[in-house]
Amino acid sequence: MKLKTILPDGRVFETQPFISLKYKSEEMVYKFEFETIDRHIKSSERHLWAVWDKVNKTVDMIAMKEIKKEQHELLIQSWK
């Protein structure tokens, strides 16, 4: 379920589901790779991401190693 809100100043906040989420133990720093509808990202295990928790109905900042594809969606900001 994609959520979207537009603030009066034109900022847009929306969620994007994780299409894939891969852990690569052989990598030195960027051990995680994930994809959403419009992006392909490499991330360290401890990097914090803003996510929508679909189970608990909360917005959280959590480490990449804690993200679960089935439970979380990436929270992104853009402009109208």
PDB file of N, CA and C in Angstrom:
ATOM      1  N   MET A   1       0.846  -1.173   0.000  1.00  0.00           N
ATOM      2  CA  MET A   1       0.000   0.000   0.000  1.00  0.00           C
ATOM      3  C   MET A   1       0.894   1.239   0.000  1.00  0.00           C
ATOM      4  N   LYS A   2       0.766   2.058  -1.003  1.00  0.00           N
ATOM      5  CA  LYS A   2       1.573   3.269  -1.126  1.00  0.00           C
ATOM      6  C   LYS A   2       0.850   4.424  -0.451  1.00  0.00           C
ATOM      7  N   LEU A   3       1.563   5.128   0.437  1.00  0.00           N
ATOM      8  CA  LEU A   3       1.010   6.296   1.119  1.00  0.00           C
ATOM      9  C   LEU A   3       1.644   7.547   0.533  1.00  0.00           C
ATOM     10  N   LYS A   4       0.863   8.634   0.465  1.00  0.00           N
ATOM     11  CA  LYS A   4       1.380   9.881  -0.094  1.00  0.00           C
ATOM     12  C   LYS A   4       0.685  11.060   0.558  1.00  0.00           C
ATOM     13  N   THR A   5       1.469  12.097   0.890  1.00  0.00           N
ATOM     14  CA  THR A   5       0.907  13.335   1.419  1.00  0.00           C
ATOM     15  C   THR A   5       1.675  14.513   0.820  1.00  0.00           C
ATOM     16  N   ILE A   6       0.969  15.611   0.573  1.00  0.00           N
ATOM     17  CA  ILE A   6       1.574  16.822   0.033  1.00  0.00           C
ATOM     18  C   ILE A   6       1.373  17.933   1.051  1.00  0.00           C
ATOM     19  N   LEU A   7       2.474  18.540   1.506  1.00  0.00           N
ATOM     20  CA  LEU A   7       2.408  19.620   2.483  1.00  0.00           C
ATOM     21  C   LEU A   7       2.144  20.959   1.785  1.00  0.00           C
ATOM     22  N   PRO A   8       1.638  21.955   2.515  1.00  0.00           N
ATOM     23  CA  PRO A   8       1.345  23.255   1.923  1.00  0.00           C
ATOM     24  C   PRO A   8       2.540  23.909   1.216  1.00  0.00           C
ATOM     25  N   ASP A   9       3.771  23.629   1.660  1.00  0.00           N
ATOM     26  CA  ASP A   9       4.949  24.225   1.025  1.00  0.00           C
ATOM     27  C   ASP A   9       5.401  23.468  -0.223  1.00  0.00           C
ATOM     28  N   GLY A  10       4.664  22.440  -0.607  1.00  0.00           N
ATOM     29  CA  GLY A  10       4.967  21.700  -1.829  1.00  0.00           C
ATOM     30  C   GLY A  10       5.770  20.431  -1.645  1.00  0.00           C
ATOM     31  N   ARG A  11       6.241  20.176  -0.419  1.00  0.00           N
ATOM     32  CA  ARG A  11       6.976  18.925  -0.192  1.00  0.00           C
ATOM     33  C   ARG A  11       6.020  17.743  -0.271  1.00  0.00           C
ATOM     34  N   VAL A  12       6.506  16.697  -0.899  1.00  0.00           N
ATOM     35  CA  VAL A  12       5.720  15.471  -1.056  1.00  0.00           C
ATOM     36  C   VAL A  12       6.426  14.357  -0.297  1.00  0.00           C
ATOM     37  N   PHE A  13       5.696  13.669   0.558  1.00  0.00           N
ATOM     38  CA  PHE A  13       6.221  12.497   1.247  1.00  0.00           C
ATOM     39  C   PHE A  13       5.405  11.301   0.790  1.00  0.00           C
ATOM     40  N   GLU A  14       6.106  10.243   0.391  1.00  0.00           N
ATOM     41  CA  GLU A  14       5.408   9.040  -0.036  1.00  0.00           C
ATOM     42  C   GLU A  14       6.234   7.809   0.313  1.00  0.00           C
ATOM     43  N   THR A  15       5.587   6.683   0.301  1.00  0.00           N
ATOM     44  CA  THR A  15       6.281   5.426   0.571  1.00  0.00           C
ATOM     45  C   THR A  15       6.417   4.653  -0.728  1.00  0.00           C
ATOM     46  N   GLN A  16       7.477   3.856  -0.782  1.00  0.00           N
ATOM     47  CA  GLN A  16       7.698   2.956  -1.909  1.00  0.00           C
ATOM     48  C   GLN A  16       8.062   1.590  -1.357  1.00  0.00           C
ATOM     49  N   PRO A  17       7.391   0.554  -1.832  1.00  0.00           N
ATOM     50  CA  PRO A  17       7.732  -0.790  -1.361  1.00  0.00           C
ATOM     51  C   PRO A  17       9.118  -1.209  -1.841  1.00  0.00           C
ATOM     52  N   PHE A  18       9.759  -2.043  -1.055  1.00  0.00           N
ATOM     53  CA  PHE A  18      11.037  -2.628  -1.455  1.00  0.00           C
ATOM     54  C   PHE A  18      10.746  -3.760  -2.434  1.00  0.00           C
ATOM     55  N   ILE A  19      11.269  -3.653  -3.647  1.00  0.00           N
ATOM     56  CA  ILE A  19      11.085  -4.711  -4.649  1.00  0.00           C
ATOM     57  C   ILE A  19      12.044  -5.858  -4.357  1.00  0.00           C
ATOM     58  N   SER A  20      13.282  -5.505  -4.043  1.00  0.00           N
ATOM     59  CA  SER A  20      14.261  -6.527  -3.653  1.00  0.00           C
ATOM     60  C   SER A  20      15.138  -5.959  -2.553  1.00  0.00           C
ATOM     61  N   LEU A  21      15.650  -6.856  -1.742  1.00  0.00           N
ATOM     62  CA  LEU A  21      16.516  -6.495  -0.626  1.00  0.00           C
ATOM     63  C   LEU A  21      17.536  -7.628  -0.486  1.00  0.00           C
ATOM     64  N   LYS A  22      18.815  -7.324  -0.781  1.00  0.00           N
ATOM     65  CA  LYS A  22      19.851  -8.355  -0.807  1.00  0.00           C
ATOM     66  C   LYS A  22      20.972  -8.025   0.173  1.00  0.00           C
ATOM     67  N   TYR A  23      21.454  -9.047   0.843  1.00  0.00           N
ATOM     68  CA  TYR A  23      22.607  -8.932   1.740  1.00  0.00           C
ATOM     69  C   TYR A  23      23.795  -9.600   1.058  1.00  0.00           C
ATOM     70  N   LYS A  24      24.922  -8.877   0.964  1.00  0.00           N
ATOM     71  CA  LYS A  24      26.123  -9.410   0.325  1.00  0.00           C
ATOM     72  C   LYS A  24      27.260  -9.412   1.352  1.00  0.00           C
ATOM     73  N   SER A  25      27.463 -10.542   1.997  1.00  0.00           N
ATOM     74  CA  SER A  25      28.443 -10.650   3.078  1.00  0.00           C
ATOM     75  C   SER A  25      29.878 -10.404   2.609  1.00  0.00           C
ATOM     76  N   GLU A  26      30.149 -10.643   1.333  1.00  0.00           N
ATOM     77  CA  GLU A  26      31.510 -10.476   0.820  1.00  0.00           C
ATOM     78  C   GLU A  26      31.910  -9.006   0.624  1.00  0.00           C
ATOM     79  N   GLU A  27      30.962  -8.100   0.636  1.00  0.00           N
ATOM     80  CA  GLU A  27      31.266  -6.679   0.458  1.00  0.00           C
ATOM     81  C   GLU A  27      31.908  -6.108   1.728  1.00  0.00           C
ATOM     82  N   MET A  28      32.812  -5.174   1.560  1.00  0.00           N
ATOM     83  CA  MET A  28      33.520  -4.589   2.697  1.00  0.00           C
ATOM     84  C   MET A  28      32.630  -3.632   3.507  1.00  0.00           C
ATOM     85  N   VAL A  29      31.915  -2.739   2.848  1.00  0.00           N
ATOM     86  CA  VAL A  29      31.129  -1.727   3.542  1.00  0.00           C
ATOM     87  C   VAL A  29      29.660  -1.796   3.160  1.00  0.00           C
ATOM     88  N   TYR A  30      29.372  -1.728   1.873  1.00  0.00           N
ATOM     89  CA  TYR A  30      27.985  -1.659   1.404  1.00  0.00           C
ATOM     90  C   TYR A  30      27.419  -3.057   1.215  1.00  0.00           C
ATOM     91  N   LYS A  31      27.075  -3.687   2.338  1.00  0.00           N
ATOM     92  CA  LYS A  31      26.650  -5.081   2.335  1.00  0.00           C
ATOM     93  C   LYS A  31      25.203  -5.285   1.873  1.00  0.00           C
ATOM     94  N   PHE A  32      24.418  -4.193   1.830  1.00  0.00           N
ATOM     95  CA  PHE A  32      23.032  -4.301   1.407  1.00  0.00           C
ATOM     96  C   PHE A  32      22.808  -3.590   0.077  1.00  0.00           C
ATOM     97  N   GLU A  33      21.954  -4.163  -0.745  1.00  0.00           N
ATOM     98  CA  GLU A  33      21.458  -3.521  -1.957  1.00  0.00           C
ATOM     99  C   GLU A  33      19.951  -3.656  -1.929  1.00  0.00           C
ATOM    100  N   PHE A  34      19.266  -2.569  -2.285  1.00  0.00           N
ATOM    101  CA  PHE A  34      17.818  -2.683  -2.406  1.00  0.00           C
ATOM    102  C   PHE A  34      17.320  -1.906  -3.606  1.00  0.00           C
ATOM    103  N   GLU A  35      16.134  -2.312  -4.065  1.00  0.00           N
ATOM    104  CA  GLU A  35      15.488  -1.645  -5.182  1.00  0.00           C
ATOM    105  C   GLU A  35      14.072  -1.267  -4.797  1.00  0.00           C
ATOM    106  N   THR A  36      13.660  -0.087  -5.279  1.00  0.00           N
ATOM    107  CA  THR A  36      12.255   0.322  -5.212  1.00  0.00           C
ATOM    108  C   THR A  36      11.833   0.586  -6.650  1.00  0.00           C
ATOM    109  N   ILE A  37      10.683   1.165  -6.822  1.00  0.00           N
ATOM    110  CA  ILE A  37      10.152   1.416  -8.157  1.00  0.00           C
ATOM    111  C   ILE A  37      11.107   2.253  -8.998  1.00  0.00           C
ATOM    112  N   ASP A  38      11.749   3.258  -8.384  1.00  0.00           N
ATOM    113  CA  ASP A  38      12.563   4.185  -9.167  1.00  0.00           C
ATOM    114  C   ASP A  38      14.014   4.310  -8.712  1.00  0.00           C
ATOM    115  N   ARG A  39      14.496   3.406  -7.866  1.00  0.00           N
ATOM    116  CA  ARG A  39      15.884   3.532  -7.414  1.00  0.00           C
ATOM    117  C   ARG A  39      16.531   2.188  -7.096  1.00  0.00           C
ATOM    118  N   HIS A  40      17.861   2.172  -7.235  1.00  0.00           N
ATOM    119  CA  HIS A  40      18.698   1.024  -6.886  1.00  0.00           C
ATOM    120  C   HIS A  40      19.782   1.581  -5.972  1.00  0.00           C
ATOM    121  N   ILE A  41      19.829   1.136  -4.710  1.00  0.00           N
ATOM    122  CA  ILE A  41      20.680   1.731  -3.681  1.00  0.00           C
ATOM    123  C   ILE A  41      21.587   0.683  -3.048  1.00  0.00           C
ATOM    124  N   LYS A  42      22.840   1.100  -2.754  1.00  0.00           N
ATOM    125  CA  LYS A  42      23.750   0.296  -1.934  1.00  0.00           C
ATOM    126  C   LYS A  42      23.844   0.987  -0.584  1.00  0.00           C
ATOM    127  N   SER A  43      23.861   0.199   0.503  1.00  0.00           N
ATOM    128  CA  SER A  43      23.853   0.766   1.839  1.00  0.00           C
ATOM    129  C   SER A  43      24.683  -0.074   2.790  1.00  0.00           C
ATOM    130  N   SER A  44      25.250   0.591   3.787  1.00  0.00           N
ATOM    131  CA  SER A  44      25.931  -0.139   4.852  1.00  0.00           C
ATOM    132  C   SER A  44      24.872  -0.723   5.794  1.00  0.00           C
ATOM    133  N   GLU A  45      25.294  -1.642   6.636  1.00  0.00           N
ATOM    134  CA  GLU A  45      24.363  -2.302   7.560  1.00  0.00           C
ATOM    135  C   GLU A  45      23.743  -1.342   8.560  1.00  0.00           C
ATOM    136  N   ARG A  46      24.533  -0.358   9.027  1.00  0.00           N
ATOM    137  CA  ARG A  46      24.073   0.523  10.097  1.00  0.00           C
ATOM    138  C   ARG A  46      23.468   1.836   9.609  1.00  0.00           C
ATOM    139  N   HIS A  47      23.505   2.080   8.298  1.00  0.00           N
ATOM    140  CA  HIS A  47      22.922   3.324   7.784  1.00  0.00           C
ATOM    141  C   HIS A  47      21.440   3.367   8.140  1.00  0.00           C
ATOM    142  N   LEU A  48      20.972   4.524   8.620  1.00  0.00           N
ATOM    143  CA  LEU A  48      19.570   4.658   9.020  1.00  0.00           C
ATOM    144  C   LEU A  48      18.718   5.138   7.852  1.00  0.00           C
ATOM    145  N   TRP A  49      17.549   4.546   7.738  1.00  0.00           N
ATOM    146  CA  TRP A  49      16.586   4.898   6.696  1.00  0.00           C
ATOM    147  C   TRP A  49      15.237   5.205   7.330  1.00  0.00           C
ATOM    148  N   ALA A  50      14.534   6.164   6.743  1.00  0.00           N
ATOM    149  CA  ALA A  50      13.166   6.457   7.179  1.00  0.00           C
ATOM    150  C   ALA A  50      12.247   5.465   6.478  1.00  0.00           C
ATOM    151  N   VAL A  51      11.468   4.745   7.269  1.00  0.00           N
ATOM    152  CA  VAL A  51      10.576   3.726   6.717  1.00  0.00           C
ATOM    153  C   VAL A  51       9.186   3.824   7.341  1.00  0.00           C
ATOM    154  N   TRP A  52       8.215   3.363   6.594  1.00  0.00           N
ATOM    155  CA  TRP A  52       6.857   3.179   7.095  1.00  0.00           C
ATOM    156  C   TRP A  52       6.754   1.734   7.530  1.00  0.00           C
ATOM    157  N   ASP A  53       6.414   1.504   8.801  1.00  0.00           N
ATOM    158  CA  ASP A  53       6.218   0.159   9.332  1.00  0.00           C
ATOM    159  C   ASP A  53       4.749  -0.183   9.136  1.00  0.00           C
ATOM    160  N   LYS A  54       4.465  -1.081   8.199  1.00  0.00           N
ATOM    161  CA  LYS A  54       3.083  -1.424   7.845  1.00  0.00           C
ATOM    162  C   LYS A  54       2.377  -2.196   8.952  1.00  0.00           C
ATOM    163  N   VAL A  55       3.111  -2.894   9.783  1.00  0.00           N
ATOM    164  CA  VAL A  55       2.517  -3.690  10.857  1.00  0.00           C
ATOM    165  C   VAL A  55       2.122  -2.801  12.037  1.00  0.00           C
ATOM    166  N   ASN A  56       3.065  -1.964  12.486  1.00  0.00           N
ATOM    167  CA  ASN A  56       2.828  -1.122  13.662  1.00  0.00           C
ATOM    168  C   ASN A  56       2.234   0.240  13.332  1.00  0.00           C
ATOM    169  N   LYS A  57       2.117   0.552  12.029  1.00  0.00           N
ATOM    170  CA  LYS A  57       1.551   1.830  11.563  1.00  0.00           C
ATOM    171  C   LYS A  57       2.324   3.020  12.127  1.00  0.00           C
ATOM    172  N   THR A  58       3.680   2.967  11.984  1.00  0.00           N
ATOM    173  CA  THR A  58       4.541   4.041  12.471  1.00  0.00           C
ATOM    174  C   THR A  58       5.587   4.386  11.426  1.00  0.00           C
ATOM    175  N   VAL A  59       6.114   5.604  11.518  1.00  0.00           N
ATOM    176  CA  VAL A  59       7.270   6.010  10.733  1.00  0.00           C
ATOM    177  C   VAL A  59       8.474   5.889  11.657  1.00  0.00           C
ATOM    178  N   ASP A  60       9.504   5.194  11.207  1.00  0.00           N
ATOM    179  CA  ASP A  60      10.680   4.935  12.030  1.00  0.00           C
ATOM    180  C   ASP A  60      11.956   5.199  11.259  1.00  0.00           C
ATOM    181  N   MET A  61      13.017   5.514  11.987  1.00  0.00           N
ATOM    182  CA  MET A  61      14.372   5.559  11.436  1.00  0.00           C
ATOM    183  C   MET A  61      15.060   4.296  11.942  1.00  0.00           C
ATOM    184  N   ILE A  62      15.360   3.374  11.015  1.00  0.00           N
ATOM    185  CA  ILE A  62      15.972   2.116  11.443  1.00  0.00           C
ATOM    186  C   ILE A  62      17.169   1.781  10.568  1.00  0.00           C
ATOM    187  N   ALA A  63      18.055   0.976  11.122  1.00  0.00           N
ATOM    188  CA  ALA A  63      19.256   0.547  10.409  1.00  0.00           C
ATOM    189  C   ALA A  63      18.869  -0.403   9.284  1.00  0.00           C
ATOM    190  N   MET A  64      19.651  -0.351   8.224  1.00  0.00           N
ATOM    191  CA  MET A  64      19.396  -1.202   7.056  1.00  0.00           C
ATOM    192  C   MET A  64      19.278  -2.670   7.453  1.00  0.00           C
ATOM    193  N   LYS A  65      20.107  -3.117   8.381  1.00  0.00           N
ATOM    194  CA  LYS A  65      20.083  -4.534   8.768  1.00  0.00           C
ATOM    195  C   LYS A  65      18.781  -4.936   9.463  1.00  0.00           C
ATOM    196  N   GLU A  66      17.963  -3.959   9.883  1.00  0.00           N
ATOM    197  CA  GLU A  66      16.698  -4.254  10.557  1.00  0.00           C
ATOM    198  C   GLU A  66      15.490  -4.205   9.619  1.00  0.00           C
ATOM    199  N   ILE A  67      15.690  -3.729   8.399  1.00  0.00           N
ATOM    200  CA  ILE A  67      14.572  -3.591   7.463  1.00  0.00           C
ATOM    201  C   ILE A  67      14.118  -4.955   6.972  1.00  0.00           C
ATOM    202  N   LYS A  68      12.807  -5.145   6.981  1.00  0.00           N
ATOM    203  CA  LYS A  68      12.187  -6.374   6.484  1.00  0.00           C
ATOM    204  C   LYS A  68      11.276  -5.999   5.319  1.00  0.00           C
ATOM    205  N   LYS A  69      11.531  -6.592   4.183  1.00  0.00           N
ATOM    206  CA  LYS A  69      10.799  -6.275   2.950  1.00  0.00           C
ATOM    207  C   LYS A  69       9.284  -6.386   3.129  1.00  0.00           C
ATOM    208  N   GLU A  70       8.836  -7.367   3.877  1.00  0.00           N
ATOM    209  CA  GLU A  70       7.408  -7.612   4.063  1.00  0.00           C
ATOM    210  C   GLU A  70       6.760  -6.619   5.034  1.00  0.00           C
ATOM    211  N   GLN A  71       7.557  -6.010   5.898  1.00  0.00           N
ATOM    212  CA  GLN A  71       7.040  -5.150   6.957  1.00  0.00           C
ATOM    213  C   GLN A  71       7.230  -3.658   6.688  1.00  0.00           C
ATOM    214  N   HIS A  72       8.262  -3.286   5.939  1.00  0.00           N
ATOM    215  CA  HIS A  72       8.621  -1.872   5.784  1.00  0.00           C
ATOM    216  C   HIS A  72       8.509  -1.389   4.347  1.00  0.00           C
ATOM    217  N   GLU A  73       8.267  -0.076   4.209  1.00  0.00           N
ATOM    218  CA  GLU A  73       8.343   0.605   2.920  1.00  0.00           C
ATOM    219  C   GLU A  73       9.227   1.834   3.128  1.00  0.00           C
ATOM    220  N   LEU A  74      10.010   2.171   2.097  1.00  0.00           N
ATOM    221  CA  LEU A  74      10.915   3.308   2.154  1.00  0.00           C
ATOM    222  C   LEU A  74      10.106   4.604   2.116  1.00  0.00           C
ATOM    223  N   LEU A  75      10.425   5.544   3.002  1.00  0.00           N
ATOM    224  CA  LEU A  75       9.777   6.865   3.022  1.00  0.00           C
ATOM    225  C   LEU A  75      10.685   7.826   2.284  1.00  0.00           C
ATOM    226  N   ILE A  76      10.153   8.476   1.242  1.00  0.00           N
ATOM    227  CA  ILE A  76      10.957   9.392   0.444  1.00  0.00           C
ATOM    228  C   ILE A  76      10.309  10.769   0.409  1.00  0.00           C
ATOM    229  N   GLN A  77      11.118  11.778   0.139  1.00  0.00           N
ATOM    230  CA  GLN A  77      10.634  13.150   0.019  1.00  0.00           C
ATOM    231  C   GLN A  77      10.978  13.676  -1.366  1.00  0.00           C
ATOM    232  N   SER A  78      10.029  14.391  -1.964  1.00  0.00           N
ATOM    233  CA  SER A  78      10.264  15.050  -3.243  1.00  0.00           C
ATOM    234  C   SER A  78       9.477  16.353  -3.240  1.00  0.00           C
ATOM    235  N   TRP A  79       9.366  16.972  -4.407  1.00  0.00           N
ATOM    236  CA  TRP A  79       8.627  18.217  -4.534  1.00  0.00           C
ATOM    237  C   TRP A  79       7.571  18.075  -5.615  1.00  0.00           C
ATOM    238  N   LYS A  80       6.482  18.839  -5.499  1.00  0.00           N
ATOM    239  CA  LYS A  80       5.426  18.825  -6.518  1.00  0.00           C
ATOM    240  C   LYS A  80       5.980  19.328  -7.831  1.00  0.00           C
TER     241      LYS A  80
END
